[in-house]
Amino acid sequence: EVTTMGARTEEEFLSALQEAPVAGAWLSDSDGHVRIRLHGPDS
């Protein structure tokens, strides 16, 4: 079950991740490179 927040700030994502014990994925870019940061259910 994937819940998508769409475009958000990383702070909004981390705050939402704290609300429920689920895994998370934050995607961003730096100089044209894709960055994916995975979080476990414990954030």
PDB file of all heavy atoms in Angstrom:
ATOM      1  N   GLU A   1       0.863  -1.167   0.000  1.00  0.00           N
ATOM      2  CA  GLU A   1       0.000   0.000   0.000  1.00  0.00           C
ATOM      3  C   GLU A   1       0.908   1.227   0.000  1.00  0.00           C
ATOM      4  O   GLU A   1       1.571   1.520   0.994  1.00  0.00           O
ATOM      5  CB  GLU A   1      -0.891   0.014   1.235  1.00  0.00           C
ATOM      6  CG  GLU A   1      -1.771   1.236   1.329  1.00  0.00           C
ATOM      7  CD  GLU A   1      -2.532   1.278   2.635  1.00  0.00           C
ATOM      8  OE1 GLU A   1      -3.284   0.324   2.912  1.00  0.00           O
ATOM      9  OE2 GLU A   1      -2.358   2.257   3.374  1.00  0.00           O
ATOM     10  N   VAL A   2       0.955   1.920  -1.125  1.00  0.00           N
ATOM     11  CA  VAL A   2       1.810   3.094  -1.276  1.00  0.00           C
ATOM     12  C   VAL A   2       0.976   4.349  -1.065  1.00  0.00           C
ATOM     13  O   VAL A   2      -0.075   4.510  -1.685  1.00  0.00           O
ATOM     14  CB  VAL A   2       2.466   3.135  -2.678  1.00  0.00           C
ATOM     15  CG1 VAL A   2       3.314   4.394  -2.835  1.00  0.00           C
ATOM     16  CG2 VAL A   2       3.299   1.886  -2.914  1.00  0.00           C
ATOM     17  N   THR A   3       1.444   5.206  -0.200  1.00  0.00           N
ATOM     18  CA  THR A   3       0.807   6.502   0.008  1.00  0.00           C
ATOM     19  C   THR A   3       1.750   7.553  -0.526  1.00  0.00           C
ATOM     20  O   THR A   3       2.899   7.636  -0.098  1.00  0.00           O
ATOM     21  CB  THR A   3       0.531   6.752   1.506  1.00  0.00           C
ATOM     22  OG1 THR A   3      -0.299   5.695   2.001  1.00  0.00           O
ATOM     23  CG2 THR A   3      -0.160   8.082   1.709  1.00  0.00           C
ATOM     24  N   THR A   4       1.277   8.328  -1.487  1.00  0.00           N
ATOM     25  CA  THR A   4       2.125   9.335  -2.093  1.00  0.00           C
ATOM     26  C   THR A   4       1.760  10.737  -1.595  1.00  0.00           C
ATOM     27  O   THR A   4       0.591  11.124  -1.611  1.00  0.00           O
ATOM     28  CB  THR A   4       2.080   9.274  -3.632  1.00  0.00           C
ATOM     29  OG1 THR A   4       2.903  10.304  -4.169  1.00  0.00           O
ATOM     30  CG2 THR A   4       0.675   9.407  -4.178  1.00  0.00           C
ATOM     31  N   MET A   5       2.759  11.446  -1.152  1.00  0.00           N
ATOM     32  CA  MET A   5       2.580  12.814  -0.691  1.00  0.00           C
ATOM     33  C   MET A   5       2.802  13.816  -1.818  1.00  0.00           C
ATOM     34  O   MET A   5       2.488  14.986  -1.671  1.00  0.00           O
ATOM     35  CB  MET A   5       3.556  13.123   0.441  1.00  0.00           C
ATOM     36  CG  MET A   5       3.329  12.321   1.692  1.00  0.00           C
ATOM     37  SD  MET A   5       4.538  12.735   2.989  1.00  0.00           S
ATOM     38  CE  MET A   5       3.988  14.381   3.454  1.00  0.00           C
ATOM     39  N   GLY A   6       3.380  13.351  -2.925  1.00  0.00           N
ATOM     40  CA  GLY A   6       3.693  14.273  -4.020  1.00  0.00           C
ATOM     41  C   GLY A   6       4.860  15.169  -3.633  1.00  0.00           C
ATOM     42  O   GLY A   6       5.716  14.806  -2.828  1.00  0.00           O
ATOM     43  N   ALA A   7       4.885  16.369  -4.201  1.00  0.00           N
ATOM     44  CA  ALA A   7       5.966  17.322  -3.924  1.00  0.00           C
ATOM     45  C   ALA A   7       5.764  17.950  -2.549  1.00  0.00           C
ATOM     46  O   ALA A   7       4.733  18.570  -2.289  1.00  0.00           O
ATOM     47  CB  ALA A   7       6.001  18.393  -5.008  1.00  0.00           C
ATOM     48  N   ARG A   8       6.726  17.769  -1.698  1.00  0.00           N
ATOM     49  CA  ARG A   8       6.699  18.294  -0.322  1.00  0.00           C
ATOM     50  C   ARG A   8       8.113  18.675   0.083  1.00  0.00           C
ATOM     51  O   ARG A   8       9.080  18.320  -0.578  1.00  0.00           O
ATOM     52  CB  ARG A   8       6.196  17.229   0.672  1.00  0.00           C
ATOM     53  CG  ARG A   8       4.857  16.668   0.390  1.00  0.00           C
ATOM     54  CD  ARG A   8       3.781  17.646   0.722  1.00  0.00           C
ATOM     55  NE  ARG A   8       2.500  17.103   0.286  1.00  0.00           N
ATOM     56  CZ  ARG A   8       1.354  17.569   0.670  1.00  0.00           C
ATOM     57  NH1 ARG A   8       1.281  18.581   1.496  1.00  0.00           N
ATOM     58  NH2 ARG A   8       0.237  17.043   0.215  1.00  0.00           N
ATOM     59  N   THR A   9       8.228  19.313   1.201  1.00  0.00           N
ATOM     60  CA  THR A   9       9.562  19.544   1.754  1.00  0.00           C
ATOM     61  C   THR A   9       9.977  18.279   2.485  1.00  0.00           C
ATOM     62  O   THR A   9       9.127  17.460   2.878  1.00  0.00           O
ATOM     63  CB  THR A   9       9.576  20.722   2.746  1.00  0.00           C
ATOM     64  OG1 THR A   9       8.783  20.374   3.893  1.00  0.00           O
ATOM     65  CG2 THR A   9       9.050  22.000   2.097  1.00  0.00           C
ATOM     66  N   GLU A  10      11.267  18.128   2.658  1.00  0.00           N
ATOM     67  CA  GLU A  10      11.741  16.952   3.397  1.00  0.00           C
ATOM     68  C   GLU A  10      11.226  16.983   4.835  1.00  0.00           C
ATOM     69  O   GLU A  10      10.905  15.942   5.411  1.00  0.00           O
ATOM     70  CB  GLU A  10      13.267  16.889   3.369  1.00  0.00           C
ATOM     71  CG  GLU A  10      13.807  15.608   3.957  1.00  0.00           C
ATOM     72  CD  GLU A  10      15.297  15.444   3.771  1.00  0.00           C
ATOM     73  OE1 GLU A  10      15.984  16.400   3.357  1.00  0.00           O
ATOM     74  OE2 GLU A  10      15.788  14.335   4.041  1.00  0.00           O
ATOM     75  N   GLU A  11      11.099  18.146   5.397  1.00  0.00           N
ATOM     76  CA  GLU A  11      10.587  18.280   6.765  1.00  0.00           C
ATOM     77  C   GLU A  11       9.142  17.786   6.852  1.00  0.00           C
ATOM     78  O   GLU A  11       8.767  17.109   7.811  1.00  0.00           O
ATOM     79  CB  GLU A  11      10.690  19.734   7.246  1.00  0.00           C
ATOM     80  CG  GLU A  11      12.112  20.205   7.472  1.00  0.00           C
ATOM     81  CD  GLU A  11      12.860  20.514   6.165  1.00  0.00           C
ATOM     82  OE1 GLU A  11      12.218  20.809   5.122  1.00  0.00           O
ATOM     83  OE2 GLU A  11      14.100  20.431   6.186  1.00  0.00           O
ATOM     84  N   GLU A  12       8.312  18.123   5.862  1.00  0.00           N
ATOM     85  CA  GLU A  12       6.925  17.640   5.842  1.00  0.00           C
ATOM     86  C   GLU A  12       6.887  16.125   5.744  1.00  0.00           C
ATOM     87  O   GLU A  12       6.089  15.465   6.423  1.00  0.00           O
ATOM     88  CB  GLU A  12       6.154  18.244   4.670  1.00  0.00           C
ATOM     89  CG  GLU A  12       5.841  19.712   4.823  1.00  0.00           C
ATOM     90  CD  GLU A  12       5.211  20.298   3.573  1.00  0.00           C
ATOM     91  OE1 GLU A  12       5.778  20.108   2.467  1.00  0.00           O
ATOM     92  OE2 GLU A  12       4.155  20.940   3.703  1.00  0.00           O
ATOM     93  N   PHE A  13       7.747  15.569   4.884  1.00  0.00           N
ATOM     94  CA  PHE A  13       7.822  14.120   4.725  1.00  0.00           C
ATOM     95  C   PHE A  13       8.208  13.458   6.046  1.00  0.00           C
ATOM     96  O   PHE A  13       7.560  12.506   6.485  1.00  0.00           O
ATOM     97  CB  PHE A  13       8.827  13.762   3.628  1.00  0.00           C
ATOM     98  CG  PHE A  13       9.221  12.311   3.616  1.00  0.00           C
ATOM     99  CD1 PHE A  13       8.334  11.335   3.196  1.00  0.00           C
ATOM    100  CD2 PHE A  13      10.483  11.926   4.033  1.00  0.00           C
ATOM    101  CE1 PHE A  13       8.692   9.995   3.193  1.00  0.00           C
ATOM    102  CE2 PHE A  13      10.855  10.599   4.030  1.00  0.00           C
ATOM    103  CZ  PHE A  13       9.958   9.627   3.609  1.00  0.00           C
ATOM    104  N   LEU A  14       9.255  13.956   6.682  1.00  0.00           N
ATOM    105  CA  LEU A  14       9.724  13.348   7.938  1.00  0.00           C
ATOM    106  C   LEU A  14       8.675  13.467   9.030  1.00  0.00           C
ATOM    107  O   LEU A  14       8.493  12.542   9.834  1.00  0.00           O
ATOM    108  CB  LEU A  14      11.045  13.992   8.368  1.00  0.00           C
ATOM    109  CG  LEU A  14      12.234  13.682   7.457  1.00  0.00           C
ATOM    110  CD1 LEU A  14      13.446  14.514   7.867  1.00  0.00           C
ATOM    111  CD2 LEU A  14      12.551  12.199   7.440  1.00  0.00           C
ATOM    112  N   SER A  15       7.954  14.562   9.060  1.00  0.00           N
ATOM    113  CA  SER A  15       6.888  14.744  10.049  1.00  0.00           C
ATOM    114  C   SER A  15       5.771  13.722   9.821  1.00  0.00           C
ATOM    115  O   SER A  15       5.284  13.097  10.763  1.00  0.00           O
ATOM    116  CB  SER A  15       6.333  16.161   9.954  1.00  0.00           C
ATOM    117  OG  SER A  15       5.262  16.333  10.843  1.00  0.00           O
ATOM    118  N   ALA A  16       5.378  13.533   8.568  1.00  0.00           N
ATOM    119  CA  ALA A  16       4.332  12.553   8.244  1.00  0.00           C
ATOM    120  C   ALA A  16       4.803  11.135   8.554  1.00  0.00           C
ATOM    121  O   ALA A  16       4.017  10.300   9.019  1.00  0.00           O
ATOM    122  CB  ALA A  16       3.937  12.671   6.775  1.00  0.00           C
ATOM    123  N   LEU A  17       6.065  10.887   8.330  1.00  0.00           N
ATOM    124  CA  LEU A  17       6.629   9.566   8.596  1.00  0.00           C
ATOM    125  C   LEU A  17       6.570   9.242  10.087  1.00  0.00           C
ATOM    126  O   LEU A  17       6.399   8.081  10.475  1.00  0.00           O
ATOM    127  CB  LEU A  17       8.077   9.515   8.092  1.00  0.00           C
ATOM    128  CG  LEU A  17       8.713   8.160   7.875  1.00  0.00           C
ATOM    129  CD1 LEU A  17       7.906   7.313   6.896  1.00  0.00           C
ATOM    130  CD2 LEU A  17      10.136   8.336   7.371  1.00  0.00           C
ATOM    131  N   GLN A  18       6.665  10.261  10.921  1.00  0.00           N
ATOM    132  CA  GLN A  18       6.592  10.067  12.372  1.00  0.00           C
ATOM    133  C   GLN A  18       5.183   9.699  12.843  1.00  0.00           C
ATOM    134  O   GLN A  18       5.010   9.108  13.889  1.00  0.00           O
ATOM    135  CB  GLN A  18       7.036  11.349  13.096  1.00  0.00           C
ATOM    136  CG  GLN A  18       8.478  11.714  12.890  1.00  0.00           C
ATOM    137  CD  GLN A  18       9.425  10.765  13.593  1.00  0.00           C
ATOM    138  OE1 GLN A  18       9.120  10.271  14.663  1.00  0.00           O
ATOM    139  NE2 GLN A  18      10.563  10.513  12.987  1.00  0.00           N
ATOM    140  N   GLU A  19       4.167  10.048  12.017  1.00  0.00           N
ATOM    141  CA  GLU A  19       2.778   9.798  12.407  1.00  0.00           C
ATOM    142  C   GLU A  19       2.425   8.317  12.448  1.00  0.00           C
ATOM    143  O   GLU A  19       1.540   7.912  13.184  1.00  0.00           O
ATOM    144  CB  GLU A  19       1.808  10.486  11.434  1.00  0.00           C
ATOM    145  CG  GLU A  19       1.761  11.972  11.559  1.00  0.00           C
ATOM    146  CD  GLU A  19       0.761  12.593  10.591  1.00  0.00           C
ATOM    147  OE1 GLU A  19      -0.042  11.842   9.981  1.00  0.00           O
ATOM    148  OE2 GLU A  19       0.786  13.811  10.446  1.00  0.00           O
ATOM    149  N   ALA A  20       3.054   7.517  11.606  1.00  0.00           N
ATOM    150  CA  ALA A  20       2.699   6.098  11.529  1.00  0.00           C
ATOM    151  C   ALA A  20       3.960   5.264  11.325  1.00  0.00           C
ATOM    152  O   ALA A  20       4.899   5.702  10.673  1.00  0.00           O
ATOM    153  CB  ALA A  20       1.732   5.869  10.369  1.00  0.00           C
ATOM    154  N   PRO A  21       3.970   4.077  11.864  1.00  0.00           N
ATOM    155  CA  PRO A  21       5.142   3.202  11.700  1.00  0.00           C
ATOM    156  C   PRO A  21       5.156   2.527  10.333  1.00  0.00           C
ATOM    157  O   PRO A  21       4.833   1.361  10.194  1.00  0.00           O
ATOM    158  CB  PRO A  21       4.978   2.192  12.831  1.00  0.00           C
ATOM    159  CG  PRO A  21       3.491   2.102  13.024  1.00  0.00           C
ATOM    160  CD  PRO A  21       2.954   3.474  12.721  1.00  0.00           C
ATOM    161  N   VAL A  22       5.492   3.289   9.295  1.00  0.00           N
ATOM    162  CA  VAL A  22       5.599   2.746   7.943  1.00  0.00           C
ATOM    163  C   VAL A  22       6.969   3.083   7.387  1.00  0.00           C
ATOM    164  O   VAL A  22       7.640   3.990   7.863  1.00  0.00           O
ATOM    165  CB  VAL A  22       4.506   3.307   7.002  1.00  0.00           C
ATOM    166  CG1 VAL A  22       3.120   2.944   7.497  1.00  0.00           C
ATOM    167  CG2 VAL A  22       4.639   4.799   6.814  1.00  0.00           C
ATOM    168  N   ALA A  23       7.361   2.355   6.378  1.00  0.00           N
ATOM    169  CA  ALA A  23       8.604   2.670   5.683  1.00  0.00           C
ATOM    170  C   ALA A  23       8.370   3.896   4.810  1.00  0.00           C
ATOM    171  O   ALA A  23       7.234   4.231   4.478  1.00  0.00           O
ATOM    172  CB  ALA A  23       9.035   1.482   4.831  1.00  0.00           C
ATOM    173  N   GLY A  24       9.455   4.571   4.442  1.00  0.00           N
ATOM    174  CA  GLY A  24       9.312   5.770   3.631  1.00  0.00           C
ATOM    175  C   GLY A  24      10.415   5.900   2.607  1.00  0.00           C
ATOM    176  O   GLY A  24      11.486   5.315   2.749  1.00  0.00           O
ATOM    177  N   ALA A  25      10.125   6.671   1.559  1.00  0.00           N
ATOM    178  CA  ALA A  25      11.109   6.963   0.524  1.00  0.00           C
ATOM    179  C   ALA A  25      11.035   8.446   0.201  1.00  0.00           C
ATOM    180  O   ALA A  25       9.969   8.964  -0.140  1.00  0.00           O
ATOM    181  CB  ALA A  25      10.845   6.136  -0.723  1.00  0.00           C
ATOM    182  N   TRP A  26      12.154   9.121   0.323  1.00  0.00           N
ATOM    183  CA  TRP A  26      12.284  10.544  -0.007  1.00  0.00           C
ATOM    184  C   TRP A  26      13.167  10.651  -1.235  1.00  0.00           C
ATOM    185  O   TRP A  26      14.279  10.116  -1.251  1.00  0.00           O
ATOM    186  CB  TRP A  26      12.896  11.315   1.164  1.00  0.00           C
ATOM    187  CG  TRP A  26      13.309  12.701   0.790  1.00  0.00           C
ATOM    188  CD1 TRP A  26      14.582  13.155   0.619  1.00  0.00           C
ATOM    189  CD2 TRP A  26      12.460  13.813   0.509  1.00  0.00           C
ATOM    190  NE1 TRP A  26      14.568  14.472   0.256  1.00  0.00           N
ATOM    191  CE2 TRP A  26      13.279  14.910   0.172  1.00  0.00           C
ATOM    192  CE3 TRP A  26      11.076  13.993   0.494  1.00  0.00           C
ATOM    193  CZ2 TRP A  26      12.768  16.158  -0.155  1.00  0.00           C
ATOM    194  CZ3 TRP A  26      10.573  15.240   0.169  1.00  0.00           C
ATOM    195  CH2 TRP A  26      11.409  16.301  -0.147  1.00  0.00           C
ATOM    196  N   LEU A  27      12.680  11.318  -2.282  1.00  0.00           N
ATOM    197  CA  LEU A  27      13.429  11.484  -3.530  1.00  0.00           C
ATOM    198  C   LEU A  27      13.719  12.959  -3.752  1.00  0.00           C
ATOM    199  O   LEU A  27      12.831  13.795  -3.604  1.00  0.00           O
ATOM    200  CB  LEU A  27      12.641  10.947  -4.729  1.00  0.00           C
ATOM    201  CG  LEU A  27      12.462   9.435  -4.784  1.00  0.00           C
ATOM    202  CD1 LEU A  27      11.295   8.986  -3.944  1.00  0.00           C
ATOM    203  CD2 LEU A  27      12.259   9.004  -6.214  1.00  0.00           C
ATOM    204  N   SER A  28      14.959  13.246  -4.105  1.00  0.00           N
ATOM    205  CA  SER A  28      15.355  14.615  -4.406  1.00  0.00           C
ATOM    206  C   SER A  28      16.477  14.565  -5.435  1.00  0.00           C
ATOM    207  O   SER A  28      16.927  13.496  -5.811  1.00  0.00           O
ATOM    208  CB  SER A  28      15.821  15.332  -3.131  1.00  0.00           C
ATOM    209  OG  SER A  28      16.942  14.678  -2.575  1.00  0.00           O
ATOM    210  N   ASP A  29      16.877  15.737  -5.891  1.00  0.00           N
ATOM    211  CA  ASP A  29      17.986  15.755  -6.842  1.00  0.00           C
ATOM    212  C   ASP A  29      19.029  16.763  -6.407  1.00  0.00           C
ATOM    213  O   ASP A  29      18.743  17.712  -5.692  1.00  0.00           O
ATOM    214  CB  ASP A  29      17.518  16.032  -8.266  1.00  0.00           C
ATOM    215  CG  ASP A  29      16.927  17.421  -8.445  1.00  0.00           C
ATOM    216  OD1 ASP A  29      16.471  18.017  -7.458  1.00  0.00           O
ATOM    217  OD2 ASP A  29      16.924  17.901  -9.583  1.00  0.00           O
ATOM    218  N   SER A  30      20.226  16.486  -6.848  1.00  0.00           N
ATOM    219  CA  SER A  30      21.356  17.361  -6.566  1.00  0.00           C
ATOM    220  C   SER A  30      22.230  17.367  -7.808  1.00  0.00           C
ATOM    221  O   SER A  30      22.760  16.323  -8.202  1.00  0.00           O
ATOM    222  CB  SER A  30      22.130  16.834  -5.351  1.00  0.00           C
ATOM    223  OG  SER A  30      23.276  17.611  -5.129  1.00  0.00           O
ATOM    224  N   ASP A  31      22.316  18.516  -8.448  1.00  0.00           N
ATOM    225  CA  ASP A  31      23.127  18.659  -9.666  1.00  0.00           C
ATOM    226  C   ASP A  31      22.757  17.624 -10.731  1.00  0.00           C
ATOM    227  O   ASP A  31      23.620  17.025 -11.369  1.00  0.00           O
ATOM    228  CB  ASP A  31      24.617  18.550  -9.338  1.00  0.00           C
ATOM    229  CG  ASP A  31      25.068  19.641  -8.387  1.00  0.00           C
ATOM    230  OD1 ASP A  31      24.563  20.777  -8.500  1.00  0.00           O
ATOM    231  OD2 ASP A  31      25.911  19.355  -7.511  1.00  0.00           O
ATOM    232  N   GLY A  32      21.453  17.366 -10.896  1.00  0.00           N
ATOM    233  CA  GLY A  32      20.996  16.425 -11.917  1.00  0.00           C
ATOM    234  C   GLY A  32      21.092  14.967 -11.532  1.00  0.00           C
ATOM    235  O   GLY A  32      20.807  14.091 -12.342  1.00  0.00           O
ATOM    236  N   HIS A  33      21.480  14.677 -10.297  1.00  0.00           N
ATOM    237  CA  HIS A  33      21.573  13.293  -9.823  1.00  0.00           C
ATOM    238  C   HIS A  33      20.402  12.993  -8.904  1.00  0.00           C
ATOM    239  O   HIS A  33      20.072  13.789  -8.025  1.00  0.00           O
ATOM    240  CB  HIS A  33      22.880  13.054  -9.063  1.00  0.00           C
ATOM    241  CG  HIS A  33      24.087  13.199  -9.922  1.00  0.00           C
ATOM    242  ND1 HIS A  33      24.475  12.236 -10.825  1.00  0.00           N
ATOM    243  CD2 HIS A  33      24.986  14.200 -10.026  1.00  0.00           C
ATOM    244  CE1 HIS A  33      25.566  12.640 -11.450  1.00  0.00           C
ATOM    245  NE2 HIS A  33      25.891  13.837 -10.984  1.00  0.00           N
ATOM    246  N   VAL A  34      19.778  11.851  -9.112  1.00  0.00           N
ATOM    247  CA  VAL A  34      18.652  11.431  -8.291  1.00  0.00           C
ATOM    248  C   VAL A  34      19.160  10.879  -6.966  1.00  0.00           C
ATOM    249  O   VAL A  34      20.077  10.079  -6.933  1.00  0.00           O
ATOM    250  CB  VAL A  34      17.821  10.352  -9.031  1.00  0.00           C
ATOM    251  CG1 VAL A  34      16.730   9.800  -8.131  1.00  0.00           C
ATOM    252  CG2 VAL A  34      17.234  10.928 -10.305  1.00  0.00           C
ATOM    253  N   ARG A  35      18.530  11.341  -5.887  1.00  0.00           N
ATOM    254  CA  ARG A  35      18.849  10.843  -4.551  1.00  0.00           C
ATOM    255  C   ARG A  35      17.600  10.180  -3.984  1.00  0.00           C
ATOM    256  O   ARG A  35      16.527  10.778  -3.987  1.00  0.00           O
ATOM    257  CB  ARG A  35      19.270  11.983  -3.632  1.00  0.00           C
ATOM    258  CG  ARG A  35      20.600  12.613  -4.031  1.00  0.00           C
ATOM    259  CD  ARG A  35      20.992  13.726  -3.090  1.00  0.00           C
ATOM    260  NE  ARG A  35      20.988  13.240  -1.721  1.00  0.00           N
ATOM    261  CZ  ARG A  35      20.754  14.018  -0.665  1.00  0.00           C
ATOM    262  NH1 ARG A  35      20.532  15.295  -0.819  1.00  0.00           N
ATOM    263  NH2 ARG A  35      20.762  13.512   0.548  1.00  0.00           N
ATOM    264  N   ILE A  36      17.748   8.946  -3.535  1.00  0.00           N
ATOM    265  CA  ILE A  36      16.656   8.233  -2.890  1.00  0.00           C
ATOM    266  C   ILE A  36      17.110   7.890  -1.477  1.00  0.00           C
ATOM    267  O   ILE A  36      18.137   7.252  -1.288  1.00  0.00           O
ATOM    268  CB  ILE A  36      16.287   6.935  -3.637  1.00  0.00           C
ATOM    269  CG1 ILE A  36      15.891   7.239  -5.078  1.00  0.00           C
ATOM    270  CG2 ILE A  36      15.162   6.208  -2.906  1.00  0.00           C
ATOM    271  CD1 ILE A  36      15.702   5.997  -5.924  1.00  0.00           C
ATOM    272  N   ARG A  37      16.343   8.327  -0.513  1.00  0.00           N
ATOM    273  CA  ARG A  37      16.659   8.004   0.888  1.00  0.00           C
ATOM    274  C   ARG A  37      15.509   7.165   1.432  1.00  0.00           C
ATOM    275  O   ARG A  37      14.369   7.615   1.460  1.00  0.00           O
ATOM    276  CB  ARG A  37      16.818   9.271   1.708  1.00  0.00           C
ATOM    277  CG  ARG A  37      17.225   8.969   3.144  1.00  0.00           C
ATOM    278  CD  ARG A  37      17.563  10.202   3.934  1.00  0.00           C
ATOM    279  NE  ARG A  37      18.713  10.861   3.331  1.00  0.00           N
ATOM    280  CZ  ARG A  37      18.816  12.185   3.209  1.00  0.00           C
ATOM    281  NH1 ARG A  37      17.865  12.959   3.634  1.00  0.00           N
ATOM    282  NH2 ARG A  37      19.890  12.710   2.674  1.00  0.00           N
ATOM    283  N   LEU A  38      15.821   5.930   1.821  1.00  0.00           N
ATOM    284  CA  LEU A  38      14.822   5.033   2.377  1.00  0.00           C
ATOM    285  C   LEU A  38      14.850   5.087   3.899  1.00  0.00           C
ATOM    286  O   LEU A  38      15.916   5.159   4.506  1.00  0.00           O
ATOM    287  CB  LEU A  38      15.082   3.593   1.920  1.00  0.00           C
ATOM    288  CG  LEU A  38      14.965   3.330   0.426  1.00  0.00           C
ATOM    289  CD1 LEU A  38      15.279   1.872   0.132  1.00  0.00           C
ATOM    290  CD2 LEU A  38      13.593   3.695  -0.092  1.00  0.00           C
ATOM    291  N   HIS A  39      13.662   5.020   4.470  1.00  0.00           N
ATOM    292  CA  HIS A  39      13.513   5.024   5.926  1.00  0.00           C
ATOM    293  C   HIS A  39      12.763   3.762   6.326  1.00  0.00           C
ATOM    294  O   HIS A  39      11.777   3.389   5.688  1.00  0.00           O
ATOM    295  CB  HIS A  39      12.700   6.244   6.387  1.00  0.00           C
ATOM    296  CG  HIS A  39      13.362   7.545   6.106  1.00  0.00           C
ATOM    297  ND1 HIS A  39      14.051   8.237   7.058  1.00  0.00           N
ATOM    298  CD2 HIS A  39      13.454   8.283   4.971  1.00  0.00           C
ATOM    299  CE1 HIS A  39      14.532   9.351   6.527  1.00  0.00           C
ATOM    300  NE2 HIS A  39      14.179   9.406   5.264  1.00  0.00           N
ATOM    301  N   GLY A  40      13.208   3.138   7.390  1.00  0.00           N
ATOM    302  CA  GLY A  40      12.508   1.968   7.917  1.00  0.00           C
ATOM    303  C   GLY A  40      11.288   2.401   8.704  1.00  0.00           C
ATOM    304  O   GLY A  40      11.061   3.593   8.921  1.00  0.00           O
ATOM    305  N   PRO A  41      10.484   1.446   9.159  1.00  0.00           N
ATOM    306  CA  PRO A  41       9.283   1.766   9.934  1.00  0.00           C
ATOM    307  C   PRO A  41       9.570   2.548  11.212  1.00  0.00           C
ATOM    308  O   PRO A  41       8.687   3.192  11.753  1.00  0.00           O
ATOM    309  CB  PRO A  41       8.690   0.389  10.261  1.00  0.00           C
ATOM    310  CG  PRO A  41       9.232  -0.509   9.221  1.00  0.00           C
ATOM    311  CD  PRO A  41      10.593   0.024   8.879  1.00  0.00           C
ATOM    312  N   ASP A  42      10.803   2.521  11.659  1.00  0.00           N
ATOM    313  CA  ASP A  42      11.196   3.279  12.852  1.00  0.00           C
ATOM    314  C   ASP A  42      11.710   4.667  12.480  1.00  0.00           C
ATOM    315  O   ASP A  42      12.249   5.380  13.322  1.00  0.00           O
ATOM    316  CB  ASP A  42      12.260   2.526  13.638  1.00  0.00           C
ATOM    317  CG  ASP A  42      13.495   2.217  12.791  1.00  0.00           C
ATOM    318  OD1 ASP A  42      13.534   2.605  11.594  1.00  0.00           O
ATOM    319  OD2 ASP A  42      14.406   1.577  13.317  1.00  0.00           O
ATOM    320  N   SER A  43      11.565   5.065  11.224  1.00  0.00           N
ATOM    321  CA  SER A  43      11.993   6.359  10.662  1.00  0.00           C
ATOM    322  C   SER A  43      13.499   6.482  10.481  1.00  0.00           C
ATOM    323  O   SER A  43      13.983   7.497  10.012  1.00  0.00           O
ATOM    324  CB  SER A  43      11.492   7.539  11.513  1.00  0.00           C
ATOM    325  OG  SER A  43      10.089   7.552  11.529  1.00  0.00           O
TER     326      SER A  43
END
